[in-house]
Amino acid sequence: MASDKRDYYEVLGVSRDCSLDELKKAYRRLARRYHPDVNNGDQSAEEKFKEISEAYAVLSNEEKRRQYDQFGFSRDLFKDFDFSSAFSEFGFGDIFDMFFGNSFGGGFSTRQRSRRQRRGSDIDIDIECSFKEAAFGVKKEVEYLVNDICEVCGGRGSADEEGIITCSVCGGTGQVRNARQTFIGSIITTSICKNCQGTGKVIKNPCKKCGGNGYYRKKKKVKVDIPAGIHDMDRLRVRDKGSYGGIDSINGDLFITVRVKPHPAFKRDGDDVISSVDISFAQASLGCRLQLETLDGMEDVIIKPGTQPGTKIVLKSRGMVHLNGYRRGDHIVNVNVKIPTKLTQEEVDLLRRFAEGREEIVSDGNSSFFSSLKDAFKK
């Protein structure tokens, strides 16, 4: 070690009265930034990593920190201090687990790692439902292709229980370990065993039905609840109905994208349903009773006398059910007053007398009359 050294507290970016936990947090942050494996072997990063590792090794040792605080760095004070061995005492296994998951082990961690259970792949399918089914919910049966567990061997892949043996390459762990030496000790990397594909087991007598996979491709039917109020392109998740991944694995999930078919008369606006109705000039003026289609069936609706174009009639709680709830939106009916484009002479005479009685100016020509009439309704 060189005698000319930066202050260890400055190297780690901590105060001189910091706690051990604060030291650990500072080291973890800096070590993750400057570790050679995440800097493609950059020499300056490696030197920086050595510096912060040395600083942590000293300051995390209660006795050496006390000496350092009192005298600073001195070759005589630290000549018997084994920096490399100090690293393994200060939780480096935890640090490297945090950085790289299970890629490192052995030289740093004394904890035993368990092999994660494999998981089969997820499956995505589409399902179609009507506008009304989306409003109130429906149960549907879906069919899809899946790697399903073999019922002959029960998913173990072997024709008999004695036909499965422990992998001789990985010893049943499903992983192989490779050690390499670094300046801070031995780093052990792990990878999936190619001989058993990570299962830790080898099949001597494969099942004839599935060929030793523990599954085979087949069509599967599942009943699914489409919830009331679901929107177009919403995605449902059905757990454990995806593909089986083989021996000692669990099924993936089934994801269903719901496509709601358009309705010829209704549109959706949030939880509200929007529709429109056309009425004549006479119906708008005098009022009437109409039967309109709703999600609940045909319903009588009163058109009040003097109804104006653009009037909205609100049918309370006749809309969509709120998703995963009970409240319903409204059904909003837009009223359109239709002006006739062709009139008989008798109808023209009647309208002219009507206009004269109200002292309204109308045209003598049909074309101009209709233009004036349309303009009046636009006001």
Protein backbone atom coordinates (compact mmCIF):
# COMPACT_ATOMS: atom_id res chain seq x y z
CA MET A 1 0.00 0.00 0.00
CA ALA A 2 1.14 3.51 -0.72
CA SER A 3 1.77 5.85 2.21
CA ASP A 4 0.03 8.74 0.44
CA LYS A 5 -3.65 7.89 0.79
CA ARG A 6 -6.92 9.77 0.64
CA ASP A 7 -8.92 10.01 3.84
CA TYR A 8 -11.01 6.82 4.15
CA TYR A 9 -14.11 8.77 5.19
CA GLU A 10 -13.73 11.00 2.15
CA VAL A 11 -13.32 7.94 -0.10
CA LEU A 12 -16.67 6.53 1.10
CA GLY A 13 -18.37 9.94 1.28
CA VAL A 14 -19.44 9.59 4.91
CA SER A 15 -18.98 11.67 8.08
CA ARG A 16 -16.44 10.67 10.72
CA ASP A 17 -19.22 9.87 13.22
CA CYS A 18 -21.22 7.69 10.81
CA SER A 19 -22.71 4.39 11.99
CA LEU A 20 -21.79 0.95 10.67
CA ASP A 21 -25.08 0.80 8.77
CA GLU A 22 -24.23 4.10 7.05
CA LEU A 23 -20.82 2.69 6.15
CA LYS A 24 -22.41 -0.37 4.62
CA LYS A 25 -24.89 1.65 2.58
CA ALA A 26 -22.13 3.92 1.28
CA TYR A 27 -19.93 0.97 0.36
CA ARG A 28 -22.72 -0.93 -1.39
CA ARG A 29 -23.57 2.13 -3.48
CA LEU A 30 -19.98 2.78 -4.53
CA ALA A 31 -19.03 -0.87 -4.98
CA ARG A 32 -21.98 -1.37 -7.31
CA ARG A 33 -20.81 1.61 -9.36
CA TYR A 34 -17.11 0.75 -9.60
CA HIS A 35 -17.01 -3.05 -9.55
CA PRO A 36 -14.84 -4.26 -12.48
CA ASP A 37 -17.51 -6.71 -13.67
CA VAL A 38 -19.93 -3.88 -14.36
CA ASN A 39 -17.27 -1.67 -15.95
CA ASN A 40 -15.96 -4.10 -18.56
CA GLY A 41 -12.63 -4.43 -16.78
CA ASP A 42 -11.89 -0.69 -16.83
CA GLN A 43 -8.57 -0.19 -15.01
CA SER A 44 -9.53 3.11 -13.34
CA ALA A 45 -12.77 1.58 -12.05
CA GLU A 46 -10.84 -1.38 -10.64
CA GLU A 47 -8.43 0.94 -8.82
CA LYS A 48 -11.34 2.92 -7.43
CA PHE A 49 -13.00 -0.32 -6.31
CA LYS A 50 -9.81 -1.34 -4.50
CA GLU A 51 -9.70 2.01 -2.75
CA ILE A 52 -13.28 1.96 -1.48
CA SER A 53 -12.97 -1.72 -0.50
CA GLU A 54 -9.85 -0.95 1.55
CA ALA A 55 -11.54 2.03 3.20
CA TYR A 56 -14.55 -0.07 4.16
CA ALA A 57 -12.40 -2.94 5.43
CA VAL A 58 -10.64 -0.59 7.87
CA LEU A 59 -13.58 1.54 9.00
CA SER A 60 -15.92 -1.42 9.53
CA ASN A 61 -13.40 -2.98 11.93
CA GLU A 62 -14.00 -1.36 15.32
CA GLU A 63 -10.39 -1.62 16.54
CA LYS A 64 -8.78 -0.52 13.25
CA ARG A 65 -11.24 2.38 12.93
CA ARG A 66 -10.30 3.57 16.42
CA GLN A 67 -6.59 3.43 15.48
CA TYR A 68 -7.24 5.17 12.17
CA ASP A 69 -9.22 7.96 13.84
CA GLN A 70 -6.41 8.52 16.30
CA PHE A 71 -3.33 8.16 14.11
CA GLY A 72 -4.47 8.09 10.51
CA PHE A 73 -3.02 5.55 8.09
CA SER A 74 0.34 4.08 9.05
CA ARG A 75 2.17 1.09 7.62
CA ASP A 76 3.20 0.07 11.13
CA LEU A 77 -0.38 0.19 12.43
CA PHE A 78 -1.78 -1.87 9.56
CA LYS A 79 1.16 -4.15 8.73
CA ASP A 80 -0.56 -7.13 10.37
CA PHE A 81 -4.00 -6.33 8.97
CA ASP A 82 -5.10 -8.75 6.22
CA PHE A 83 -7.29 -6.64 3.95
CA SER A 84 -8.34 -9.53 1.71
CA SER A 85 -9.51 -11.63 4.65
CA ALA A 86 -11.31 -8.61 6.09
CA PHE A 87 -13.57 -8.45 3.07
CA SER A 88 -15.13 -11.84 3.78
CA GLU A 89 -15.89 -10.78 7.36
CA PHE A 90 -17.93 -7.76 6.43
CA GLY A 91 -20.90 -9.22 4.53
CA PHE A 92 -19.52 -9.20 0.99
CA GLY A 93 -21.74 -12.17 0.17
CA ASP A 94 -24.76 -10.01 0.86
CA ILE A 95 -23.31 -7.23 -1.27
CA PHE A 96 -22.65 -9.42 -4.28
CA ASP A 97 -26.02 -11.11 -3.95
CA MET A 98 -27.58 -7.67 -4.13
CA PHE A 99 -25.56 -6.78 -7.24
CA PHE A 100 -25.75 -9.98 -9.22
CA GLY A 101 -28.43 -12.21 -7.66
CA ASN A 102 -27.26 -15.82 -7.61
CA SER A 103 -24.46 -15.32 -10.10
CA PHE A 104 -21.90 -15.15 -7.27
CA GLY A 105 -21.40 -17.33 -4.26
CA GLY A 106 -19.00 -19.59 -2.40
CA GLY A 107 -16.12 -17.22 -1.67
CA PHE A 108 -18.43 -14.50 -0.37
CA SER A 109 -21.55 -16.09 1.06
CA THR A 110 -22.03 -18.76 3.64
CA ARG A 111 -25.76 -18.93 2.99
CA GLN A 112 -27.11 -21.92 1.12
CA ARG A 113 -28.98 -21.01 -2.02
CA SER A 114 -32.06 -22.95 -3.03
CA ARG A 115 -32.80 -23.70 -6.65
CA ARG A 116 -35.84 -21.79 -7.87
CA GLN A 117 -38.72 -23.85 -9.15
CA ARG A 118 -39.06 -23.62 -12.89
CA ARG A 119 -42.16 -22.07 -14.39
CA GLY A 120 -43.88 -22.87 -17.65
CA SER A 121 -44.56 -20.23 -20.27
CA ASP A 122 -47.58 -17.92 -20.26
CA ILE A 123 -50.19 -18.11 -23.02
CA ASP A 124 -51.99 -15.19 -24.66
CA ILE A 125 -55.34 -15.61 -26.40
CA ASP A 126 -58.21 -13.36 -27.54
CA ILE A 127 -61.88 -13.79 -26.73
CA GLU A 128 -64.87 -11.95 -28.19
CA CYS A 129 -68.02 -10.92 -26.35
CA SER A 130 -71.08 -8.85 -27.22
CA PHE A 131 -71.79 -5.34 -25.97
CA LYS A 132 -74.49 -6.64 -23.63
CA GLU A 133 -72.24 -9.43 -22.31
CA ALA A 134 -69.62 -6.81 -21.52
CA ALA A 135 -72.26 -4.78 -19.68
CA PHE A 136 -73.48 -7.53 -17.38
CA GLY A 137 -70.69 -10.12 -17.46
CA VAL A 138 -70.75 -13.65 -18.83
CA LYS A 139 -69.11 -17.02 -18.36
CA LYS A 140 -67.41 -18.31 -21.49
CA GLU A 141 -65.53 -21.46 -22.38
CA VAL A 142 -62.24 -20.85 -24.18
CA GLU A 143 -60.16 -23.37 -26.09
CA TYR A 144 -56.44 -23.00 -26.71
CA LEU A 145 -53.27 -24.98 -27.40
CA VAL A 146 -51.06 -25.61 -24.39
CA ASN A 147 -48.20 -27.77 -23.17
CA ASP A 148 -50.30 -29.69 -20.67
CA ILE A 149 -49.04 -32.04 -17.97
CA CYS A 150 -48.84 -35.65 -19.11
CA GLU A 151 -51.51 -37.67 -17.32
CA VAL A 152 -49.66 -40.93 -17.97
CA CYS A 153 -46.50 -40.07 -16.02
CA GLY A 154 -47.98 -37.28 -13.91
CA GLY A 155 -45.54 -34.75 -15.32
CA ARG A 156 -42.38 -36.48 -14.10
CA GLY A 157 -41.34 -37.50 -17.65
CA SER A 158 -40.38 -41.04 -16.60
CA ALA A 159 -42.34 -44.20 -17.28
CA ASP A 160 -41.75 -45.22 -13.66
CA GLU A 161 -40.57 -43.56 -10.47
CA GLU A 162 -37.32 -45.56 -10.44
CA GLY A 163 -36.42 -44.17 -13.86
CA ILE A 164 -35.39 -40.77 -12.49
CA ILE A 165 -31.85 -40.43 -11.16
CA THR A 166 -29.83 -37.56 -9.75
CA CYS A 167 -27.73 -35.73 -12.34
CA SER A 168 -24.10 -36.79 -12.01
CA VAL A 169 -22.78 -33.50 -13.40
CA CYS A 170 -24.40 -31.06 -10.95
CA GLY A 171 -25.14 -33.50 -8.14
CA GLY A 172 -28.84 -32.65 -8.24
CA THR A 173 -28.47 -28.90 -7.75
CA GLY A 174 -29.31 -28.03 -11.35
CA GLN A 175 -26.32 -25.69 -11.43
CA VAL A 176 -22.63 -25.95 -12.15
CA ARG A 177 -20.11 -23.73 -10.37
CA ASN A 178 -16.95 -22.16 -11.75
CA ALA A 179 -14.41 -20.39 -9.55
CA ARG A 180 -12.05 -17.59 -10.50
CA GLN A 181 -9.52 -15.76 -8.37
CA THR A 182 -9.61 -11.98 -7.95
CA PHE A 183 -7.70 -9.54 -5.76
CA ILE A 184 -10.45 -9.77 -3.11
CA GLY A 185 -10.67 -13.54 -3.10
CA SER A 186 -12.47 -16.28 -4.96
CA ILE A 187 -15.63 -15.49 -6.91
CA ILE A 188 -17.79 -18.45 -7.86
CA THR A 189 -20.20 -18.11 -10.77
CA THR A 190 -23.08 -20.49 -11.31
CA SER A 191 -24.90 -21.51 -14.47
CA ILE A 192 -27.66 -23.95 -15.41
CA CYS A 193 -26.47 -27.51 -15.82
CA LYS A 194 -26.73 -28.47 -19.48
CA ASN A 195 -26.86 -32.17 -18.74
CA CYS A 196 -30.18 -31.96 -16.85
CA GLN A 197 -31.37 -28.54 -18.09
CA GLY A 198 -31.45 -27.25 -14.54
CA THR A 199 -33.77 -29.91 -13.13
CA GLY A 200 -31.09 -31.75 -11.18
CA LYS A 201 -32.47 -35.04 -12.46
CA VAL A 202 -31.94 -37.28 -15.46
CA ILE A 203 -34.59 -39.59 -16.91
CA LYS A 204 -33.41 -43.10 -17.73
CA ASN A 205 -36.73 -44.52 -18.92
CA PRO A 206 -38.73 -41.74 -20.69
CA CYS A 207 -42.53 -41.83 -20.76
CA LYS A 208 -43.77 -42.96 -24.17
CA LYS A 209 -46.69 -40.54 -24.14
CA CYS A 210 -44.67 -37.33 -23.64
CA GLY A 211 -41.18 -38.52 -24.67
CA GLY A 212 -39.73 -37.64 -21.27
CA ASN A 213 -40.83 -34.00 -21.30
CA GLY A 214 -43.54 -34.43 -18.70
CA TYR A 215 -45.99 -32.65 -21.01
CA TYR A 216 -47.35 -32.73 -24.54
CA ARG A 217 -49.16 -30.30 -26.85
CA LYS A 218 -52.93 -30.47 -26.70
CA LYS A 219 -56.12 -28.45 -26.90
CA LYS A 220 -57.50 -27.41 -23.54
CA LYS A 221 -60.86 -25.92 -22.56
CA VAL A 222 -61.28 -23.59 -19.60
CA LYS A 223 -64.37 -21.73 -18.37
CA VAL A 224 -63.67 -18.06 -17.70
CA ASP A 225 -65.75 -15.43 -15.93
CA ILE A 226 -65.89 -12.21 -17.94
CA PRO A 227 -66.67 -9.55 -15.31
CA ALA A 228 -69.51 -7.07 -15.76
CA GLY A 229 -68.37 -3.69 -17.06
CA ILE A 230 -65.27 -4.98 -18.83
CA HIS A 231 -63.83 -2.70 -21.52
CA ASP A 232 -62.70 -3.51 -25.00
CA MET A 233 -59.07 -4.78 -24.98
CA ASP A 234 -59.03 -5.34 -21.21
CA ARG A 235 -56.77 -8.26 -20.24
CA LEU A 236 -57.71 -11.04 -17.82
CA ARG A 237 -55.24 -13.28 -16.02
CA VAL A 238 -56.09 -16.89 -15.18
CA ARG A 239 -53.41 -18.28 -12.90
CA ASP A 240 -51.79 -21.67 -13.51
CA LYS A 241 -53.63 -22.29 -16.79
CA GLY A 242 -50.60 -21.69 -19.01
CA SER A 243 -48.03 -24.22 -20.20
CA TYR A 244 -46.41 -26.81 -17.97
CA GLY A 245 -42.63 -26.50 -17.91
CA GLY A 246 -41.63 -30.10 -17.26
CA ILE A 247 -40.42 -32.05 -14.26
CA ASP A 248 -40.56 -30.16 -10.94
CA SER A 249 -42.09 -27.09 -12.58
CA ILE A 250 -45.28 -25.10 -12.18
CA ASN A 251 -47.68 -23.93 -14.87
CA GLY A 252 -47.52 -20.50 -16.38
CA ASP A 253 -50.59 -18.26 -16.58
CA LEU A 254 -53.27 -17.76 -19.21
CA PHE A 255 -53.81 -14.15 -20.36
CA ILE A 256 -57.05 -13.35 -22.16
CA THR A 257 -57.57 -10.15 -24.15
CA VAL A 258 -61.29 -9.33 -24.34
CA ARG A 259 -62.58 -7.81 -27.56
CA VAL A 260 -66.03 -6.25 -27.22
CA LYS A 261 -68.03 -6.29 -30.47
CA PRO A 262 -69.51 -2.91 -31.46
CA HIS A 263 -73.27 -2.50 -30.97
CA PRO A 264 -75.30 -1.24 -33.95
CA ALA A 265 -77.16 1.35 -31.86
CA PHE A 266 -75.13 1.91 -28.67
CA LYS A 267 -71.82 3.53 -27.90
CA ARG A 268 -69.99 3.50 -24.59
CA ASP A 269 -68.77 6.58 -22.74
CA GLY A 270 -67.23 5.41 -19.47
CA ASP A 271 -70.08 3.62 -17.74
CA ASP A 272 -72.73 5.49 -19.73
CA VAL A 273 -74.43 4.18 -22.86
CA ILE A 274 -75.13 6.65 -25.67
CA SER A 275 -77.80 6.23 -28.34
CA SER A 276 -79.92 8.51 -30.52
CA VAL A 277 -83.53 8.72 -31.72
CA ASP A 278 -85.03 10.58 -34.65
CA ILE A 279 -88.41 12.31 -34.24
CA SER A 280 -90.44 14.41 -36.63
CA PHE A 281 -91.25 18.12 -36.42
CA ALA A 282 -94.78 17.24 -35.35
CA GLN A 283 -93.60 14.81 -32.65
CA ALA A 284 -91.18 17.39 -31.32
CA SER A 285 -93.90 20.06 -31.27
CA LEU A 286 -96.78 18.03 -29.87
CA GLY A 287 -94.89 15.37 -27.88
CA CYS A 288 -95.26 11.61 -28.10
CA ARG A 289 -94.52 8.28 -26.45
CA LEU A 290 -91.82 6.07 -28.02
CA GLN A 291 -90.37 2.64 -27.30
CA LEU A 292 -86.58 2.70 -27.21
CA GLU A 293 -84.09 -0.15 -26.99
CA THR A 294 -81.96 -0.27 -23.82
CA LEU A 295 -79.60 -2.85 -22.36
CA ASP A 296 -82.54 -4.06 -20.25
CA GLY A 297 -84.91 -4.39 -23.20
CA MET A 298 -87.50 -2.07 -24.76
CA GLU A 299 -88.56 0.86 -22.60
CA ASP A 300 -91.26 3.54 -22.97
CA VAL A 301 -89.89 7.06 -23.23
CA ILE A 302 -91.95 10.27 -23.14
CA ILE A 303 -91.05 13.00 -25.63
CA LYS A 304 -92.32 16.23 -24.12
CA PRO A 305 -94.17 18.80 -26.27
CA GLY A 306 -91.81 21.45 -27.58
CA THR A 307 -88.74 19.18 -27.48
CA GLN A 308 -85.84 20.95 -29.16
CA PRO A 309 -83.19 19.46 -31.47
CA GLY A 310 -80.19 18.28 -29.43
CA THR A 311 -82.25 17.48 -26.32
CA LYS A 312 -80.79 14.70 -24.17
CA ILE A 313 -83.00 12.24 -22.33
CA VAL A 314 -81.27 10.52 -19.39
CA LEU A 315 -82.44 7.07 -18.36
CA LYS A 316 -80.95 6.63 -14.90
CA SER A 317 -79.04 3.43 -14.10
CA ARG A 318 -79.61 1.90 -17.52
CA GLY A 319 -75.97 1.99 -18.57
CA MET A 320 -72.97 -0.30 -18.07
CA VAL A 321 -72.22 -1.94 -14.75
CA HIS A 322 -69.13 -0.37 -13.16
CA LEU A 323 -66.23 -2.83 -13.49
CA ASN A 324 -65.94 -4.95 -10.33
CA GLY A 325 -68.78 -2.96 -8.78
CA TYR A 326 -72.56 -2.74 -8.62
CA ARG A 327 -73.37 0.83 -9.61
CA ARG A 328 -74.56 1.36 -13.17
CA GLY A 329 -74.07 4.28 -15.47
CA ASP A 330 -76.90 6.03 -17.33
CA HIS A 331 -78.37 5.59 -20.79
CA ILE A 332 -78.29 8.95 -22.57
CA VAL A 333 -80.57 9.38 -25.60
CA ASN A 334 -79.73 12.18 -28.04
CA VAL A 335 -82.90 13.49 -29.68
CA ASN A 336 -82.67 14.48 -33.35
CA VAL A 337 -85.55 16.39 -34.93
CA LYS A 338 -85.76 15.42 -38.58
CA ILE A 339 -86.96 18.07 -41.05
CA PRO A 340 -88.71 16.56 -44.08
CA THR A 341 -87.14 17.20 -47.46
CA LYS A 342 -90.28 16.52 -49.49
CA LEU A 343 -93.79 17.79 -48.70
CA THR A 344 -97.10 17.42 -50.48
CA GLN A 345 -98.93 20.58 -51.53
CA GLU A 346 -101.45 19.98 -48.78
CA GLU A 347 -98.67 19.80 -46.20
CA VAL A 348 -97.11 22.99 -47.58
CA ASP A 349 -100.43 24.82 -47.31
CA LEU A 350 -100.96 23.63 -43.75
CA LEU A 351 -97.48 24.77 -42.70
CA ARG A 352 -97.94 28.11 -44.42
CA ARG A 353 -101.19 28.72 -42.55
CA PHE A 354 -99.44 27.66 -39.34
CA ALA A 355 -96.65 30.17 -39.98
CA GLU A 356 -99.08 32.95 -40.89
CA GLY A 357 -101.02 32.35 -37.69
CA ARG A 358 -97.80 32.90 -35.74
CA GLU A 359 -96.95 35.91 -37.91
CA GLU A 360 -93.84 34.19 -39.21
CA ILE A 361 -92.40 35.12 -42.57
CA VAL A 362 -92.07 32.15 -44.94
CA SER A 363 -91.10 31.86 -48.59
CA ASP A 364 -93.54 31.25 -51.38
CA GLY A 365 -91.14 28.70 -52.98
CA ASN A 366 -90.70 25.22 -51.53
CA SER A 367 -86.93 25.42 -51.71
CA SER A 368 -86.68 28.74 -49.88
CA PHE A 369 -89.33 27.66 -47.43
CA PHE A 370 -87.41 24.58 -46.43
CA SER A 371 -84.24 26.61 -46.09
CA SER A 372 -86.01 29.01 -43.76
CA LEU A 373 -87.52 26.15 -41.81
CA LYS A 374 -84.12 24.47 -41.37
CA ASP A 375 -82.60 27.78 -40.26
CA ALA A 376 -85.34 28.16 -37.66
CA PHE A 377 -84.52 24.78 -36.15
CA LYS A 378 -80.85 25.63 -35.98
CA LYS A 379 -81.54 28.59 -33.67
